[in-house]
Each structure stands twice: as structure tokens, then as C-alpha cells.
Amino acid sequence: MTRSLMRAFLFVLVLFSFATATLPAPAESPERRAALKLCKQKYREATKGKKYLKSSDRKARVAAAREERRKCEELAPRH
């Protein structure tokens, strides 16, 4: 009895995981995609010359650029 219930539960679990995996992801609006592209471009430009800096300066520049990108992505329009 326990074995059959466990198999049924696992079957439902696997079935549910496949059902959610096949659902299409919600499409992003063109405005959001453009804003995220701009954020990514700004991040790339901010970290471009980092390999020529000292270790502490490089870490500071990357951390600042990452924080700026995070804020930029938060401000991007959702819909």
C-alpha cells in the first residue's frame, strides 16, 4: 500500500515538473528588453579596462558596476 502511494506521488511529481517545464516563459516587453540591453552595455563599458588595474581597484570597480547594473535592472519597466 505504501509503495503504491509513493509511486503514485512520484508519478504526479514528475508529471507536474514536465508540465511546468513546457510552459512558455512570459514575454518581456520591447521597452524592458531595450532597457536591459542598455544596462548590460553600461556594465560592459564600466568593466572594460579592469584587467589593467590593481586588485583592490579592480574589485571596487566591478562591485560598483555590478551594483549600478542591479539598480538599472530594477528601474527597467516591467510591462
N, C-alpha and C. Protein backbone atom coordinates (compact mmCIF):
# COMPACT_ATOMS: atom_id res chain seq x y z
N MET A 1 0.83 -1.19 0.00
CA MET A 1 0.00 0.00 0.00
C MET A 1 0.88 1.26 0.00
N THR A 2 1.84 1.30 0.88
CA THR A 2 2.72 2.46 0.98
C THR A 2 3.52 2.62 -0.31
N ARG A 3 3.98 1.50 -0.84
CA ARG A 3 4.78 1.55 -2.07
C ARG A 3 3.96 2.11 -3.23
N SER A 4 2.72 1.70 -3.36
CA SER A 4 1.90 2.19 -4.46
C SER A 4 1.57 3.67 -4.29
N LEU A 5 1.34 4.11 -3.07
CA LEU A 5 1.10 5.53 -2.84
C LEU A 5 2.34 6.36 -3.16
N MET A 6 3.50 5.82 -2.78
CA MET A 6 4.74 6.54 -3.05
C MET A 6 4.98 6.63 -4.56
N ARG A 7 4.73 5.56 -5.29
CA ARG A 7 4.90 5.59 -6.74
C ARG A 7 3.92 6.55 -7.39
N ALA A 8 2.70 6.56 -6.91
CA ALA A 8 1.71 7.49 -7.46
C ALA A 8 2.13 8.93 -7.20
N PHE A 9 2.62 9.19 -6.00
CA PHE A 9 3.08 10.53 -5.66
C PHE A 9 4.25 10.95 -6.55
N LEU A 10 5.22 10.06 -6.73
CA LEU A 10 6.37 10.37 -7.58
C LEU A 10 5.95 10.58 -9.03
N PHE A 11 4.99 9.78 -9.51
CA PHE A 11 4.49 9.95 -10.87
C PHE A 11 3.85 11.32 -11.05
N VAL A 12 3.04 11.72 -10.09
CA VAL A 12 2.39 13.04 -10.17
C VAL A 12 3.44 14.14 -10.09
N LEU A 13 4.44 13.96 -9.26
CA LEU A 13 5.51 14.95 -9.13
C LEU A 13 6.27 15.10 -10.44
N VAL A 14 6.62 14.00 -11.07
CA VAL A 14 7.34 14.05 -12.34
C VAL A 14 6.45 14.66 -13.42
N LEU A 15 5.21 14.26 -13.44
CA LEU A 15 4.27 14.80 -14.42
C LEU A 15 4.12 16.31 -14.26
N PHE A 16 4.03 16.78 -13.04
CA PHE A 16 3.90 18.21 -12.77
C PHE A 16 5.17 18.96 -13.19
N SER A 17 6.34 18.37 -12.93
CA SER A 17 7.59 19.05 -13.29
C SER A 17 7.71 19.17 -14.80
N PHE A 18 7.29 18.15 -15.56
CA PHE A 18 7.32 18.25 -17.02
C PHE A 18 6.30 19.25 -17.52
N ALA A 19 5.16 19.32 -16.87
CA ALA A 19 4.12 20.26 -17.31
C ALA A 19 4.58 21.69 -17.11
N THR A 20 5.26 21.99 -16.00
CA THR A 20 5.72 23.36 -15.77
C THR A 20 6.92 23.69 -16.63
N ALA A 21 7.72 22.69 -17.00
CA ALA A 21 8.89 22.94 -17.83
C ALA A 21 8.49 23.28 -19.26
N THR A 22 7.35 22.81 -19.71
CA THR A 22 6.94 23.05 -21.09
C THR A 22 6.14 24.33 -21.26
N LEU A 23 5.77 24.99 -20.16
CA LEU A 23 5.03 26.24 -20.27
C LEU A 23 5.93 27.32 -20.82
N PRO A 24 5.44 28.15 -21.72
CA PRO A 24 6.28 29.22 -22.27
C PRO A 24 6.53 30.31 -21.21
N ALA A 25 7.70 30.86 -21.26
CA ALA A 25 8.04 31.94 -20.34
C ALA A 25 7.30 33.20 -20.77
N PRO A 26 6.91 34.03 -19.81
CA PRO A 26 6.22 35.26 -20.20
C PRO A 26 7.16 36.17 -21.00
N ALA A 27 6.63 36.72 -22.07
CA ALA A 27 7.43 37.56 -22.96
C ALA A 27 7.70 38.92 -22.30
N GLU A 28 8.90 39.40 -22.49
CA GLU A 28 9.24 40.72 -21.97
C GLU A 28 8.84 41.77 -23.00
N SER A 29 8.48 42.91 -22.50
CA SER A 29 8.08 43.99 -23.39
C SER A 29 9.32 44.53 -24.12
N PRO A 30 9.12 45.12 -25.28
CA PRO A 30 10.26 45.69 -26.02
C PRO A 30 10.97 46.80 -25.23
N GLU A 31 10.21 47.55 -24.43
CA GLU A 31 10.84 48.61 -23.63
C GLU A 31 11.77 48.01 -22.58
N ARG A 32 11.33 46.92 -21.95
CA ARG A 32 12.17 46.27 -20.92
C ARG A 32 13.42 45.68 -21.56
N ARG A 33 13.26 45.01 -22.71
CA ARG A 33 14.42 44.44 -23.38
C ARG A 33 15.43 45.51 -23.76
N ALA A 34 14.94 46.64 -24.23
CA ALA A 34 15.84 47.74 -24.60
C ALA A 34 16.55 48.30 -23.37
N ALA A 35 15.82 48.43 -22.27
CA ALA A 35 16.42 48.95 -21.04
C ALA A 35 17.46 47.97 -20.50
N LEU A 36 17.17 46.67 -20.53
CA LEU A 36 18.14 45.68 -20.05
C LEU A 36 19.37 45.63 -20.95
N LYS A 37 19.17 45.82 -22.23
CA LYS A 37 20.31 45.86 -23.16
C LYS A 37 21.21 47.04 -22.85
N LEU A 38 20.59 48.18 -22.55
CA LEU A 38 21.36 49.37 -22.19
C LEU A 38 22.11 49.16 -20.88
N CYS A 39 21.47 48.52 -19.90
CA CYS A 39 22.13 48.22 -18.62
C CYS A 39 23.34 47.33 -18.83
N LYS A 40 23.17 46.31 -19.67
CA LYS A 40 24.26 45.38 -19.94
C LYS A 40 25.42 46.08 -20.64
N GLN A 41 25.08 46.99 -21.56
CA GLN A 41 26.10 47.73 -22.29
C GLN A 41 26.87 48.66 -21.34
N LYS A 42 26.16 49.33 -20.44
CA LYS A 42 26.82 50.20 -19.47
C LYS A 42 27.74 49.40 -18.56
N TYR A 43 27.31 48.19 -18.16
CA TYR A 43 28.13 47.34 -17.30
C TYR A 43 29.41 46.93 -18.04
N ARG A 44 29.26 46.55 -19.30
CA ARG A 44 30.43 46.17 -20.09
C ARG A 44 31.43 47.32 -20.21
N GLU A 45 30.91 48.52 -20.45
CA GLU A 45 31.78 49.69 -20.58
C GLU A 45 32.47 50.02 -19.26
N ALA A 46 31.75 49.84 -18.14
CA ALA A 46 32.33 50.16 -16.84
C ALA A 46 33.42 49.18 -16.44
N THR A 47 33.34 47.94 -16.91
CA THR A 47 34.32 46.94 -16.52
C THR A 47 35.36 46.67 -17.61
N LYS A 48 35.35 47.46 -18.66
CA LYS A 48 36.21 47.20 -19.81
C LYS A 48 37.71 47.20 -19.48
N GLY A 49 38.21 48.20 -18.80
CA GLY A 49 39.65 48.30 -18.54
C GLY A 49 40.07 47.73 -17.21
N LYS A 50 39.31 46.82 -16.65
CA LYS A 50 39.59 46.34 -15.30
C LYS A 50 40.86 45.51 -15.20
N LYS A 51 41.29 44.86 -16.28
CA LYS A 51 42.46 43.99 -16.17
C LYS A 51 43.75 44.77 -16.02
N TYR A 52 43.72 46.07 -16.25
CA TYR A 52 44.91 46.89 -16.12
C TYR A 52 44.99 47.58 -14.76
N LEU A 53 44.04 47.30 -13.88
CA LEU A 53 44.02 47.93 -12.56
C LEU A 53 44.60 46.99 -11.51
N LYS A 54 44.94 47.57 -10.37
CA LYS A 54 45.37 46.76 -9.24
C LYS A 54 44.18 45.98 -8.70
N SER A 55 44.48 44.97 -7.93
CA SER A 55 43.43 44.05 -7.45
C SER A 55 42.33 44.77 -6.68
N SER A 56 42.70 45.63 -5.75
CA SER A 56 41.68 46.31 -4.94
C SER A 56 40.86 47.28 -5.79
N ASP A 57 41.51 47.98 -6.71
CA ASP A 57 40.79 48.90 -7.59
C ASP A 57 39.86 48.15 -8.54
N ARG A 58 40.35 47.00 -9.02
CA ARG A 58 39.53 46.18 -9.92
C ARG A 58 38.29 45.67 -9.22
N LYS A 59 38.45 45.17 -7.99
CA LYS A 59 37.30 44.66 -7.23
C LYS A 59 36.30 45.78 -6.95
N ALA A 60 36.82 46.96 -6.64
CA ALA A 60 35.93 48.09 -6.36
C ALA A 60 35.17 48.51 -7.61
N ARG A 61 35.86 48.54 -8.74
CA ARG A 61 35.19 48.94 -9.99
C ARG A 61 34.12 47.93 -10.40
N VAL A 62 34.43 46.65 -10.28
CA VAL A 62 33.46 45.61 -10.64
C VAL A 62 32.27 45.64 -9.69
N ALA A 63 32.54 45.82 -8.40
CA ALA A 63 31.44 45.88 -7.43
C ALA A 63 30.53 47.08 -7.69
N ALA A 64 31.13 48.22 -7.99
CA ALA A 64 30.33 49.41 -8.28
C ALA A 64 29.52 49.22 -9.56
N ALA A 65 30.13 48.64 -10.57
CA ALA A 65 29.42 48.40 -11.84
C ALA A 65 28.30 47.40 -11.65
N ARG A 66 28.54 46.36 -10.85
CA ARG A 66 27.50 45.36 -10.59
C ARG A 66 26.32 45.98 -9.84
N GLU A 67 26.63 46.83 -8.87
CA GLU A 67 25.56 47.49 -8.10
C GLU A 67 24.77 48.44 -9.01
N GLU A 68 25.47 49.17 -9.86
CA GLU A 68 24.80 50.08 -10.78
C GLU A 68 23.91 49.31 -11.76
N ARG A 69 24.39 48.15 -12.22
CA ARG A 69 23.59 47.33 -13.13
C ARG A 69 22.35 46.79 -12.43
N ARG A 70 22.50 46.38 -11.17
CA ARG A 70 21.36 45.87 -10.41
C ARG A 70 20.30 46.95 -10.26
N LYS A 71 20.73 48.16 -9.92
CA LYS A 71 19.78 49.26 -9.79
C LYS A 71 19.13 49.59 -11.12
N CYS A 72 19.91 49.55 -12.19
CA CYS A 72 19.37 49.84 -13.52
C CYS A 72 18.32 48.80 -13.90
N GLU A 73 18.58 47.53 -13.61
CA GLU A 73 17.61 46.49 -13.94
C GLU A 73 16.35 46.60 -13.09
N GLU A 74 16.49 47.07 -11.86
CA GLU A 74 15.30 47.28 -11.02
C GLU A 74 14.42 48.39 -11.58
N LEU A 75 15.03 49.42 -12.15
CA LEU A 75 14.29 50.56 -12.67
C LEU A 75 13.72 50.31 -14.06
N ALA A 76 14.12 49.22 -14.70
CA ALA A 76 13.60 48.92 -16.04
C ALA A 76 12.10 48.63 -15.95
N PRO A 77 11.34 49.09 -16.94
CA PRO A 77 9.89 48.87 -16.91
C PRO A 77 9.56 47.38 -16.96
N ARG A 78 8.54 46.99 -16.21
CA ARG A 78 8.18 45.58 -16.12
C ARG A 78 7.29 45.12 -17.26
N HIS A 79 6.37 45.96 -17.70
CA HIS A 79 5.44 45.54 -18.75
C HIS A 79 5.41 46.52 -19.87
